[in-house]
Amino acid sequence: MCRLFERYQRLRAHAHARTYRTHECARMLKESGYAAVQIETYKINWLWGLMTARGTHVQA
């Protein structure tokens, strides 16, 4: 349902950027220098969900 709502938001709200899937978010964090990435998802209701991410920044 979130992906369907995202498509609607893209047409309606120009400020809406994108809804990311869990694996996409983890990949972007790892590519940005974070290790030990942990992602949790929470279903609020049939339409809304929440994702939190935690990682350790690896300094070069």
PDB file of N, CA and C in Angstrom:
ATOM      1  N   MET A   1       0.810  -1.188   0.000  1.00  0.00           N
ATOM      2  CA  MET A   1       0.000   0.000   0.000  1.00  0.00           C
ATOM      3  C   MET A   1       0.861   1.263   0.000  1.00  0.00           C
ATOM      4  N   CYS A   2       2.007   1.189   0.690  1.00  0.00           N
ATOM      5  CA  CYS A   2       2.899   2.358   0.737  1.00  0.00           C
ATOM      6  C   CYS A   2       3.387   2.736  -0.655  1.00  0.00           C
ATOM      7  N   ARG A   3       3.710   1.744  -1.471  1.00  0.00           N
ATOM      8  CA  ARG A   3       4.190   2.040  -2.830  1.00  0.00           C
ATOM      9  C   ARG A   3       3.085   2.664  -3.684  1.00  0.00           C
ATOM     10  N   LEU A   4       1.857   2.224  -3.509  1.00  0.00           N
ATOM     11  CA  LEU A   4       0.739   2.819  -4.234  1.00  0.00           C
ATOM     12  C   LEU A   4       0.549   4.277  -3.809  1.00  0.00           C
ATOM     13  N   PHE A   5       0.606   4.533  -2.516  1.00  0.00           N
ATOM     14  CA  PHE A   5       0.471   5.895  -2.015  1.00  0.00           C
ATOM     15  C   PHE A   5       1.634   6.763  -2.489  1.00  0.00           C
ATOM     16  N   GLU A   6       2.825   6.191  -2.585  1.00  0.00           N
ATOM     17  CA  GLU A   6       3.974   6.940  -3.086  1.00  0.00           C
ATOM     18  C   GLU A   6       3.723   7.415  -4.512  1.00  0.00           C
ATOM     19  N   ARG A   7       3.193   6.567  -5.345  1.00  0.00           N
ATOM     20  CA  ARG A   7       2.896   6.962  -6.735  1.00  0.00           C
ATOM     21  C   ARG A   7       1.900   8.108  -6.770  1.00  0.00           C
ATOM     22  N   TYR A   8       0.888   8.025  -5.924  1.00  0.00           N
ATOM     23  CA  TYR A   8      -0.095   9.098  -5.838  1.00  0.00           C
ATOM     24  C   TYR A   8       0.579  10.404  -5.395  1.00  0.00           C
ATOM     25  N   GLN A   9       1.444  10.331  -4.386  1.00  0.00           N
ATOM     26  CA  GLN A   9       2.129  11.521  -3.891  1.00  0.00           C
ATOM     27  C   GLN A   9       3.051  12.136  -4.938  1.00  0.00           C
ATOM     28  N   ARG A  10       3.702  11.313  -5.730  1.00  0.00           N
ATOM     29  CA  ARG A  10       4.574  11.846  -6.783  1.00  0.00           C
ATOM     30  C   ARG A  10       3.791  12.684  -7.785  1.00  0.00           C
ATOM     31  N   LEU A  11       2.578  12.278  -8.096  1.00  0.00           N
ATOM     32  CA  LEU A  11       1.749  13.028  -9.032  1.00  0.00           C
ATOM     33  C   LEU A  11       1.185  14.291  -8.392  1.00  0.00           C
ATOM     34  N   ARG A  12       0.874  14.225  -7.130  1.00  0.00           N
ATOM     35  CA  ARG A  12       0.173  15.299  -6.437  1.00  0.00           C
ATOM     36  C   ARG A  12       1.105  16.309  -5.781  1.00  0.00           C
ATOM     37  N   ALA A  13       2.144  15.846  -5.112  1.00  0.00           N
ATOM     38  CA  ALA A  13       2.989  16.734  -4.312  1.00  0.00           C
ATOM     39  C   ALA A  13       4.401  16.769  -4.892  1.00  0.00           C
ATOM     40  N   HIS A  14       4.792  17.896  -5.402  1.00  0.00           N
ATOM     41  CA  HIS A  14       6.102  18.021  -6.036  1.00  0.00           C
ATOM     42  C   HIS A  14       7.244  17.915  -5.023  1.00  0.00           C
ATOM     43  N   ALA A  15       6.960  18.169  -3.752  1.00  0.00           N
ATOM     44  CA  ALA A  15       8.005  18.084  -2.734  1.00  0.00           C
ATOM     45  C   ALA A  15       8.267  16.642  -2.307  1.00  0.00           C
ATOM     46  N   HIS A  16       7.359  15.739  -2.644  1.00  0.00           N
ATOM     47  CA  HIS A  16       7.543  14.340  -2.263  1.00  0.00           C
ATOM     48  C   HIS A  16       8.706  13.752  -3.047  1.00  0.00           C
ATOM     49  N   ALA A  17       9.634  13.131  -2.338  1.00  0.00           N
ATOM     50  CA  ALA A  17      10.812  12.591  -3.003  1.00  0.00           C
ATOM     51  C   ALA A  17      10.622  11.117  -3.339  1.00  0.00           C
ATOM     52  N   ARG A  18      10.617  10.260  -2.323  1.00  0.00           N
ATOM     53  CA  ARG A  18      10.539   8.832  -2.608  1.00  0.00           C
ATOM     54  C   ARG A  18      10.359   8.047  -1.317  1.00  0.00           C
ATOM     55  N   THR A  19       9.740   6.897  -1.419  1.00  0.00           N
ATOM     56  CA  THR A  19       9.655   5.950  -0.320  1.00  0.00           C
ATOM     57  C   THR A  19      10.644   4.839  -0.607  1.00  0.00           C
ATOM     58  N   TYR A  20      11.520   4.551   0.346  1.00  0.00           N
ATOM     59  CA  TYR A  20      12.551   3.539   0.150  1.00  0.00           C
ATOM     60  C   TYR A  20      12.183   2.235   0.828  1.00  0.00           C
ATOM     61  N   ARG A  21      12.569   1.140   0.204  1.00  0.00           N
ATOM     62  CA  ARG A  21      12.417  -0.176   0.806  1.00  0.00           C
ATOM     63  C   ARG A  21      13.566  -0.397   1.791  1.00  0.00           C
ATOM     64  N   THR A  22      13.390  -1.376   2.653  1.00  0.00           N
ATOM     65  CA  THR A  22      14.388  -1.642   3.690  1.00  0.00           C
ATOM     66  C   THR A  22      15.764  -1.910   3.100  1.00  0.00           C
ATOM     67  N   HIS A  23      15.849  -2.768   2.092  1.00  0.00           N
ATOM     68  CA  HIS A  23      17.162  -3.103   1.523  1.00  0.00           C
ATOM     69  C   HIS A  23      17.789  -1.915   0.801  1.00  0.00           C
ATOM     70  N   GLU A  24      16.970  -1.028   0.233  1.00  0.00           N
ATOM     71  CA  GLU A  24      17.503   0.163  -0.427  1.00  0.00           C
ATOM     72  C   GLU A  24      18.110   1.120   0.601  1.00  0.00           C
ATOM     73  N   CYS A  25      17.420   1.285   1.718  1.00  0.00           N
ATOM     74  CA  CYS A  25      17.918   2.157   2.777  1.00  0.00           C
ATOM     75  C   CYS A  25      19.233   1.607   3.347  1.00  0.00           C
ATOM     76  N   ALA A  26      19.281   0.305   3.602  1.00  0.00           N
ATOM     77  CA  ALA A  26      20.502  -0.319   4.130  1.00  0.00           C
ATOM     78  C   ALA A  26      21.662  -0.155   3.155  1.00  0.00           C
ATOM     79  N   ARG A  27      21.404  -0.342   1.877  1.00  0.00           N
ATOM     80  CA  ARG A  27      22.461  -0.194   0.868  1.00  0.00           C
ATOM     81  C   ARG A  27      22.996   1.228   0.844  1.00  0.00           C
ATOM     82  N   MET A  28      22.109   2.225   0.876  1.00  0.00           N
ATOM     83  CA  MET A  28      22.556   3.625   0.845  1.00  0.00           C
ATOM     84  C   MET A  28      23.374   3.973   2.077  1.00  0.00           C
ATOM     85  N   LEU A  29      22.974   3.469   3.232  1.00  0.00           N
ATOM     86  CA  LEU A  29      23.738   3.737   4.448  1.00  0.00           C
ATOM     87  C   LEU A  29      25.122   3.111   4.375  1.00  0.00           C
ATOM     88  N   LYS A  30      25.203   1.885   3.892  1.00  0.00           N
ATOM     89  CA  LYS A  30      26.498   1.212   3.770  1.00  0.00           C
ATOM     90  C   LYS A  30      27.393   1.925   2.761  1.00  0.00           C
ATOM     91  N   GLU A  31      26.813   2.383   1.661  1.00  0.00           N
ATOM     92  CA  GLU A  31      27.574   3.121   0.658  1.00  0.00           C
ATOM     93  C   GLU A  31      28.049   4.475   1.189  1.00  0.00           C
ATOM     94  N   SER A  32      27.366   4.992   2.207  1.00  0.00           N
ATOM     95  CA  SER A  32      27.728   6.280   2.800  1.00  0.00           C
ATOM     96  C   SER A  32      28.724   6.142   3.942  1.00  0.00           C
ATOM     97  N   GLY A  33      29.186   4.916   4.183  1.00  0.00           N
ATOM     98  CA  GLY A  33      30.215   4.720   5.192  1.00  0.00           C
ATOM     99  C   GLY A  33      29.734   4.212   6.534  1.00  0.00           C
ATOM    100  N   TYR A  34      28.529   3.693   6.603  1.00  0.00           N
ATOM    101  CA  TYR A  34      28.012   3.150   7.853  1.00  0.00           C
ATOM    102  C   TYR A  34      28.145   1.631   7.854  1.00  0.00           C
ATOM    103  N   ALA A  35      28.507   1.093   9.006  1.00  0.00           N
ATOM    104  CA  ALA A  35      28.623  -0.355   9.163  1.00  0.00           C
ATOM    105  C   ALA A  35      27.642  -0.803  10.242  1.00  0.00           C
ATOM    106  N   ALA A  36      27.462  -2.086  10.363  1.00  0.00           N
ATOM    107  CA  ALA A  36      26.559  -2.667  11.358  1.00  0.00           C
ATOM    108  C   ALA A  36      25.186  -2.004  11.288  1.00  0.00           C
ATOM    109  N   VAL A  37      24.660  -1.878  10.093  1.00  0.00           N
ATOM    110  CA  VAL A  37      23.378  -1.215   9.880  1.00  0.00           C
ATOM    111  C   VAL A  37      22.250  -2.118  10.372  1.00  0.00           C
ATOM    112  N   GLN A  38      21.388  -1.546  11.208  1.00  0.00           N
ATOM    113  CA  GLN A  38      20.208  -2.245  11.701  1.00  0.00           C
ATOM    114  C   GLN A  38      18.987  -1.421  11.341  1.00  0.00           C
ATOM    115  N   ILE A  39      18.019  -2.059  10.710  1.00  0.00           N
ATOM    116  CA  ILE A  39      16.805  -1.360  10.307  1.00  0.00           C
ATOM    117  C   ILE A  39      15.609  -2.084  10.895  1.00  0.00           C
ATOM    118  N   GLU A  40      14.710  -1.300  11.475  1.00  0.00           N
ATOM    119  CA  GLU A  40      13.471  -1.843  12.019  1.00  0.00           C
ATOM    120  C   GLU A  40      12.300  -1.156  11.327  1.00  0.00           C
ATOM    121  N   THR A  41      11.269  -1.926  11.043  1.00  0.00           N
ATOM    122  CA  THR A  41      10.074  -1.368  10.426  1.00  0.00           C
ATOM    123  C   THR A  41       8.885  -1.582  11.357  1.00  0.00           C
ATOM    124  N   TYR A  42       7.981  -0.631  11.335  1.00  0.00           N
ATOM    125  CA  TYR A  42       6.791  -0.674  12.176  1.00  0.00           C
ATOM    126  C   TYR A  42       5.574  -0.376  11.311  1.00  0.00           C
ATOM    127  N   LYS A  43       4.563  -1.183  11.433  1.00  0.00           N
ATOM    128  CA  LYS A  43       3.320  -0.940  10.710  1.00  0.00           C
ATOM    129  C   LYS A  43       2.384  -0.180  11.637  1.00  0.00           C
ATOM    130  N   ILE A  44       1.992   1.005  11.224  1.00  0.00           N
ATOM    131  CA  ILE A  44       1.108   1.834  12.040  1.00  0.00           C
ATOM    132  C   ILE A  44      -0.352   1.500  11.745  1.00  0.00           C
ATOM    133  N   ASN A  45      -0.705   1.467  10.477  1.00  0.00           N
ATOM    134  CA  ASN A  45      -2.035   1.024  10.060  1.00  0.00           C
ATOM    135  C   ASN A  45      -1.935   0.543   8.611  1.00  0.00           C
ATOM    136  N   TRP A  46      -3.057   0.366   7.961  1.00  0.00           N
ATOM    137  CA  TRP A  46      -3.040  -0.211   6.608  1.00  0.00           C
ATOM    138  C   TRP A  46      -2.319   0.672   5.599  1.00  0.00           C
ATOM    139  N   LEU A  47      -2.147   1.964   5.906  1.00  0.00           N
ATOM    140  CA  LEU A  47      -1.524   2.882   4.960  1.00  0.00           C
ATOM    141  C   LEU A  47      -0.132   3.336   5.414  1.00  0.00           C
ATOM    142  N   TRP A  48       0.028   3.575   6.686  1.00  0.00           N
ATOM    143  CA  TRP A  48       1.253   4.190   7.178  1.00  0.00           C
ATOM    144  C   TRP A  48       2.176   3.188   7.858  1.00  0.00           C
ATOM    145  N   GLY A  49       3.457   3.412   7.647  1.00  0.00           N
ATOM    146  CA  GLY A  49       4.484   2.634   8.307  1.00  0.00           C
ATOM    147  C   GLY A  49       5.636   3.548   8.683  1.00  0.00           C
ATOM    148  N   LEU A  50       6.557   3.010   9.422  1.00  0.00           N
ATOM    149  CA  LEU A  50       7.698   3.778   9.889  1.00  0.00           C
ATOM    150  C   LEU A  50       8.931   2.901   9.821  1.00  0.00           C
ATOM    151  N   MET A  51      10.057   3.490   9.472  1.00  0.00           N
ATOM    152  CA  MET A  51      11.312   2.754   9.425  1.00  0.00           C
ATOM    153  C   MET A  51      12.346   3.549  10.215  1.00  0.00           C
ATOM    154  N   THR A  52      13.082   2.857  11.075  1.00  0.00           N
ATOM    155  CA  THR A  52      14.201   3.486  11.773  1.00  0.00           C
ATOM    156  C   THR A  52      15.469   2.740  11.393  1.00  0.00           C
ATOM    157  N   ALA A  53      16.567   3.481  11.289  1.00  0.00           N
ATOM    158  CA  ALA A  53      17.845   2.876  10.907  1.00  0.00           C
ATOM    159  C   ALA A  53      18.918   3.319  11.885  1.00  0.00           C
ATOM    160  N   ARG A  54      19.825   2.389  12.166  1.00  0.00           N
ATOM    161  CA  ARG A  54      20.933   2.671  13.078  1.00  0.00           C
ATOM    162  C   ARG A  54      22.194   2.048  12.505  1.00  0.00           C
ATOM    163  N   GLY A  55      23.279   2.756  12.591  1.00  0.00           N
ATOM    164  CA  GLY A  55      24.550   2.223  12.097  1.00  0.00           C
ATOM    165  C   GLY A  55      25.712   2.924  12.755  1.00  0.00           C
ATOM    166  N   THR A  56      26.879   2.366  12.596  1.00  0.00           N
ATOM    167  CA  THR A  56      28.092   2.939  13.128  1.00  0.00           C
ATOM    168  C   THR A  56      28.864   3.538  11.962  1.00  0.00           C
ATOM    169  N   HIS A  57      29.216   4.820  12.072  1.00  0.00           N
ATOM    170  CA  HIS A  57      29.934   5.475  10.981  1.00  0.00           C
ATOM    171  C   HIS A  57      31.398   5.064  11.030  1.00  0.00           C
ATOM    172  N   VAL A  58      31.880   4.577   9.920  1.00  0.00           N
ATOM    173  CA  VAL A  58      33.272   4.146   9.804  1.00  0.00           C
ATOM    174  C   VAL A  58      34.064   5.300   9.209  1.00  0.00           C
ATOM    175  N   GLN A  59      35.043   5.777   9.938  1.00  0.00           N
ATOM    176  CA  GLN A  59      35.854   6.891   9.430  1.00  0.00           C
ATOM    177  C   GLN A  59      37.007   6.369   8.605  1.00  0.00           C
ATOM    178  N   ALA A  60      37.264   7.055   7.505  1.00  0.00           N
ATOM    179  CA  ALA A  60      38.337   6.641   6.590  1.00  0.00           C
ATOM    180  C   ALA A  60      39.693   7.072   7.056  1.00  0.00           C
TER     181      ALA A  60
END
